[in-house]
Amino acid sequence: AVVSTQSTGEAYELKKEAYELKEEAYELKVGALETRLDLEKSLLETLLLMRNQATATSLYVEEIRSTLTTLSTRLDQLEDKVDTGTETMVREIEQARLTAMTIKNRQKAWLSEVRLISLYKMTGADFEHVSSHYSDLIVDGQFVHDRQVENSMRTYFHTAGAARDNKLWIQLGGIFRIHKIKILNLRHCCQERLIGAHVYADERLLGTVVEAKGSYEFFANEDDPTYASKITLYQPLAQQTHILELQVWGNGPFSADDKF
């Protein structure tokens, strides 16, 4: 009876150990299955992500391809416009060149016609006489009479006094190429009062009166053309200024950017 009880206890212990081993094996199997499930889940997520990325990449590539196609089309259109614009520009440049040549040829033709350009132009003076010796008499084209036969025959300019720095000027009304300035002095008296006077075309000095005589001519240098819109007779000395006529000979008018 004692042996039988001992055998039964050992069998129970062995059965218990077997059961525990079986339970442990089951837990290991469950752990392995969970690990495998996690791996498969991770792999599936990776595959889904890769597929989504591949799809996005494909769409991106397609978008890039479409953009490149659009850019290529626009580039072709721009090239056509450039070609058309270049042809138009070449025609316009050629037309401008021909126009410029026409203008230059016309100007050169004008140079052959030196004419009186001061007649009836606007005038002014610093010390203009208050009665009848007005500055506009220097451009009226009348210089036969210079004696006061009657008031209406006064054809010469006369300052109101003998102060220094008297100025008498002509506004030409545009830019002209100056050929010469001619001064017709009084005939009956006082020609020496003009000595010392300077003649300017704008700011350029063309000459100075150095002797007493009936008329003076001051020529512009043709190798260094003189363009001006205003002619000034300036007397720095304390002398009265009186002349019959101040003539400006030249041609024009020209625009400021069309000189040659």
Protein backbone atom coordinates (compact mmCIF):
# COMPACT_ATOMS: atom_id res chain seq x y z
CA ALA A 1 0.00 0.00 0.00
CA VAL A 2 2.92 2.36 0.73
CA VAL A 3 4.55 1.64 -2.66
CA SER A 4 1.30 2.23 -4.48
CA THR A 5 0.83 5.63 -2.84
CA GLN A 6 4.38 6.71 -3.72
CA SER A 7 3.94 5.71 -7.36
CA THR A 8 0.73 7.65 -7.58
CA GLY A 9 2.46 10.80 -6.24
CA GLU A 10 5.30 10.53 -8.73
CA ALA A 11 2.88 10.07 -11.56
CA TYR A 12 1.01 13.15 -10.45
CA GLU A 13 4.20 15.20 -10.36
CA LEU A 14 5.21 13.97 -13.78
CA LYS A 15 1.80 14.79 -15.15
CA LYS A 16 1.95 18.22 -13.59
CA GLU A 17 5.37 18.89 -15.11
CA ALA A 18 4.11 17.69 -18.46
CA TYR A 19 1.15 19.98 -18.18
CA GLU A 20 3.36 22.93 -17.29
CA LEU A 21 5.66 22.12 -20.19
CA LYS A 22 2.66 21.92 -22.46
CA GLU A 23 1.38 25.24 -21.17
CA GLU A 24 4.82 26.82 -21.65
CA ALA A 25 4.98 25.41 -25.16
CA TYR A 26 1.56 26.84 -25.84
CA GLU A 27 2.61 30.24 -24.58
CA LEU A 28 5.72 30.07 -26.76
CA LYS A 29 3.56 29.16 -29.71
CA VAL A 30 1.19 32.04 -28.97
CA GLY A 31 4.18 34.38 -28.65
CA ALA A 32 5.58 33.14 -31.93
CA LEU A 33 2.21 33.63 -33.59
CA GLU A 34 1.93 37.17 -32.20
CA THR A 35 5.46 37.97 -33.35
CA ARG A 36 4.67 36.60 -36.78
CA LEU A 37 1.44 38.56 -36.85
CA ASP A 38 3.31 41.74 -35.91
CA LEU A 39 5.90 41.09 -38.61
CA GLU A 40 3.23 40.43 -41.20
CA LYS A 41 1.35 43.54 -40.10
CA SER A 42 4.54 45.61 -40.31
CA LEU A 43 5.34 44.12 -43.69
CA LEU A 44 1.82 44.86 -44.89
CA GLU A 45 2.06 48.45 -43.69
CA THR A 46 5.44 48.78 -45.39
CA LEU A 47 4.01 47.35 -48.62
CA LEU A 48 1.00 49.70 -48.42
CA LEU A 49 3.31 52.66 -47.78
CA MET A 50 5.55 51.67 -50.68
CA ARG A 51 2.52 51.31 -52.92
CA ASN A 52 1.19 54.69 -51.86
CA GLN A 53 4.61 56.24 -52.42
CA ALA A 54 4.88 54.56 -55.78
CA THR A 55 1.44 55.88 -56.71
CA ALA A 56 2.37 59.37 -55.51
CA THR A 57 5.67 59.17 -57.37
CA SER A 58 3.87 58.05 -60.49
CA LEU A 59 1.43 60.94 -60.18
CA TYR A 60 4.30 63.35 -59.51
CA VAL A 61 6.19 62.03 -62.51
CA GLU A 62 3.05 62.42 -64.61
CA GLU A 63 2.60 65.95 -63.33
CA ILE A 64 6.22 66.78 -64.15
CA ARG A 65 5.76 65.28 -67.61
CA SER A 66 2.64 67.38 -68.14
CA THR A 67 4.42 70.52 -66.93
CA LEU A 68 7.36 69.86 -69.23
CA THR A 69 4.97 69.39 -72.13
CA THR A 70 3.27 72.72 -71.30
CA LEU A 71 6.64 74.45 -70.97
CA SER A 72 7.78 73.01 -74.26
CA THR A 73 4.63 74.26 -75.96
CA ARG A 74 5.06 77.72 -74.47
CA LEU A 75 8.73 77.73 -75.43
CA ASP A 76 7.76 76.97 -79.02
CA GLN A 77 5.21 79.78 -78.90
CA LEU A 78 7.81 82.16 -77.46
CA GLU A 79 10.30 81.18 -80.12
CA ASP A 80 7.67 81.94 -82.75
CA LYS A 81 6.99 85.30 -81.11
CA VAL A 82 10.71 86.03 -80.88
CA ASP A 83 11.17 85.17 -84.53
CA THR A 84 8.22 87.35 -85.47
CA GLY A 85 9.38 90.15 -83.14
CA THR A 86 12.91 89.95 -84.48
CA GLU A 87 11.69 90.24 -88.03
CA THR A 88 9.50 93.19 -87.05
CA MET A 89 12.37 94.79 -85.17
CA VAL A 90 14.71 94.37 -88.12
CA ARG A 91 12.13 96.01 -90.38
CA GLU A 92 11.62 98.87 -87.91
CA ILE A 93 15.38 99.38 -87.53
CA GLU A 94 15.80 99.43 -91.28
CA GLN A 95 12.91 101.87 -91.61
CA ALA A 96 14.42 104.07 -88.87
CA ARG A 97 17.78 103.97 -90.64
CA LEU A 98 16.19 104.98 -93.92
CA THR A 99 14.25 107.73 -92.15
CA ALA A 100 17.43 108.96 -90.47
CA MET A 101 19.22 108.95 -93.81
CA THR A 102 16.34 110.91 -95.31
CA ILE A 103 16.52 113.44 -92.47
CA LYS A 104 20.29 113.75 -92.76
CA ASN A 105 20.08 114.16 -96.51
CA ARG A 106 17.40 116.79 -96.05
CA GLN A 107 19.53 118.60 -93.48
CA LYS A 108 22.54 118.52 -95.75
CA ALA A 109 20.37 119.99 -98.47
CA TRP A 110 19.24 122.66 -96.03
CA LEU A 111 22.86 123.50 -95.29
CA SER A 112 23.22 124.61 -98.89
CA GLU A 113 20.50 127.20 -98.27
CA VAL A 114 21.83 129.69 -95.74
CA ARG A 115 19.06 132.22 -95.16
CA LEU A 116 18.07 135.05 -92.87
CA ILE A 117 16.51 133.40 -89.82
CA SER A 118 16.13 136.39 -87.50
CA LEU A 119 13.53 138.39 -89.43
CA TYR A 120 10.50 139.29 -87.27
CA LYS A 121 11.63 137.10 -84.36
CA MET A 122 11.02 137.93 -80.70
CA THR A 123 13.51 140.39 -79.17
CA GLY A 124 14.32 142.00 -75.85
CA ALA A 125 16.75 144.35 -74.13
CA ASP A 126 17.83 145.21 -70.57
CA PHE A 127 17.62 149.00 -71.04
CA GLU A 128 15.07 149.35 -73.80
CA HIS A 129 14.08 152.87 -74.80
CA VAL A 130 10.64 153.90 -73.62
CA SER A 131 9.64 155.92 -76.68
CA SER A 132 10.30 154.62 -80.18
CA HIS A 133 13.71 152.89 -80.36
CA TYR A 134 12.33 149.45 -79.52
CA SER A 135 14.35 146.24 -79.71
CA ASP A 136 12.12 144.72 -82.38
CA LEU A 137 13.49 147.30 -84.84
CA ILE A 138 16.66 145.19 -85.10
CA VAL A 139 14.69 142.40 -86.85
CA ASP A 140 12.22 144.42 -88.91
CA GLY A 141 14.28 144.27 -92.10
CA GLN A 142 14.19 148.07 -92.38
CA PHE A 143 17.58 149.72 -92.26
CA VAL A 144 17.51 152.32 -95.03
CA HIS A 145 16.68 155.25 -92.71
CA ASP A 146 18.58 155.91 -89.54
CA ARG A 147 17.83 159.60 -89.11
CA GLN A 148 14.81 161.03 -87.36
CA VAL A 149 13.12 162.58 -90.38
CA GLU A 150 9.87 161.87 -88.61
CA ASN A 151 9.01 159.64 -85.70
CA SER A 152 7.62 156.85 -87.87
CA MET A 153 10.96 156.51 -89.70
CA ARG A 154 13.03 155.61 -86.67
CA THR A 155 14.34 152.20 -87.66
CA TYR A 156 17.21 151.73 -85.22
CA PHE A 157 17.40 150.39 -81.69
CA HIS A 158 18.62 152.69 -78.92
CA THR A 159 19.15 151.90 -75.24
CA ALA A 160 17.65 154.12 -72.60
CA GLY A 161 21.00 154.82 -70.97
CA ALA A 162 24.74 154.14 -70.91
CA ALA A 163 24.91 151.73 -67.99
CA ARG A 164 27.33 148.83 -68.04
CA ASP A 165 26.34 145.33 -69.13
CA ASN A 166 23.67 146.28 -71.66
CA LYS A 167 22.17 143.24 -73.35
CA LEU A 168 20.13 143.03 -76.53
CA TRP A 169 18.87 139.64 -77.70
CA ILE A 170 16.88 137.73 -80.32
CA GLN A 171 14.88 134.60 -79.55
CA LEU A 172 15.02 132.48 -82.71
CA GLY A 173 12.09 130.28 -81.69
CA GLY A 174 13.97 127.01 -82.15
CA ILE A 175 17.43 125.50 -82.48
CA PHE A 176 19.18 126.75 -85.61
CA ARG A 177 22.59 126.12 -87.08
CA ILE A 178 24.29 129.51 -87.17
CA HIS A 179 26.29 130.55 -90.24
CA LYS A 180 27.01 134.19 -89.47
CA ILE A 181 25.88 137.21 -87.46
CA LYS A 182 25.74 140.57 -89.21
CA ILE A 183 25.44 143.89 -87.35
CA LEU A 184 24.45 147.06 -89.21
CA ASN A 185 25.72 150.01 -87.19
CA LEU A 186 24.39 153.55 -87.29
CA ARG A 187 25.57 155.57 -90.28
CA HIS A 188 25.16 159.16 -89.18
CA CYS A 189 27.01 159.08 -85.83
CA CYS A 190 28.40 157.32 -82.77
CA GLN A 191 29.74 154.13 -84.43
CA GLU A 192 32.53 153.93 -81.85
CA ARG A 193 30.02 153.26 -79.05
CA LEU A 194 29.68 149.67 -80.24
CA ILE A 195 33.38 148.91 -79.66
CA GLY A 196 33.80 146.28 -76.94
CA ALA A 197 30.45 144.58 -77.57
CA HIS A 198 30.41 140.76 -77.68
CA VAL A 199 28.19 138.58 -79.86
CA TYR A 200 26.96 135.27 -78.39
CA ALA A 201 25.07 132.33 -79.87
CA ASP A 202 23.54 130.92 -76.70
CA GLU A 203 26.65 130.63 -74.51
CA ARG A 204 29.21 130.52 -77.34
CA LEU A 205 31.16 133.68 -78.15
CA LEU A 206 31.21 134.33 -81.90
CA GLY A 207 33.09 137.63 -81.94
CA THR A 208 33.82 141.05 -80.47
CA VAL A 209 33.57 144.52 -82.00
CA VAL A 210 37.08 146.01 -82.01
CA GLU A 211 36.71 149.02 -84.32
CA ALA A 212 34.18 151.61 -85.41
CA LYS A 213 32.59 150.94 -88.78
CA GLY A 214 29.25 150.65 -90.52
CA SER A 215 28.78 146.88 -90.38
CA TYR A 216 30.30 143.71 -88.91
CA GLU A 217 30.15 140.04 -89.82
CA PHE A 218 30.99 137.24 -87.40
CA PHE A 219 31.15 133.75 -88.94
CA ALA A 220 30.63 130.47 -87.11
CA ASN A 221 33.25 127.76 -87.52
CA GLU A 222 31.88 125.22 -90.01
CA ASP A 223 34.25 122.54 -88.65
CA ASP A 224 32.75 123.05 -85.19
CA PRO A 225 29.07 123.81 -85.90
CA THR A 226 27.23 126.30 -83.73
CA TYR A 227 23.62 125.55 -82.81
CA ALA A 228 21.67 128.13 -80.85
CA SER A 229 18.18 129.37 -80.07
CA LYS A 230 19.20 132.80 -78.79
CA ILE A 231 21.56 135.49 -80.09
CA THR A 232 22.83 138.12 -77.63
CA LEU A 233 24.69 141.40 -78.19
CA TYR A 234 26.40 142.19 -74.88
CA GLN A 235 28.11 145.50 -74.16
CA PRO A 236 30.04 145.32 -70.87
CA LEU A 237 31.26 148.91 -71.15
CA ALA A 238 29.34 151.99 -70.00
CA GLN A 239 28.13 152.89 -73.49
CA GLN A 240 24.80 153.41 -75.12
CA THR A 241 23.95 150.67 -77.62
CA HIS A 242 22.28 151.62 -80.87
CA ILE A 243 22.22 149.62 -84.11
CA LEU A 244 20.14 149.50 -87.23
CA GLU A 245 19.81 145.75 -87.61
CA LEU A 246 21.05 142.51 -86.05
CA GLN A 247 20.86 139.79 -88.68
CA VAL A 248 21.25 136.07 -88.02
CA TRP A 249 22.00 133.86 -91.02
CA GLY A 250 21.75 130.08 -90.85
CA ASN A 251 19.37 127.18 -91.37
CA GLY A 252 16.98 124.99 -89.43
CA PRO A 253 15.25 124.54 -87.10
CA PHE A 254 16.60 121.24 -85.78
CA SER A 255 15.60 119.07 -82.84
CA ALA A 256 17.99 118.86 -79.91
CA ASP A 257 18.97 115.25 -80.72
CA ASP A 258 19.26 115.81 -84.47
CA LYS A 259 22.41 117.87 -84.73
CA PHE A 260 25.29 116.85 -86.97
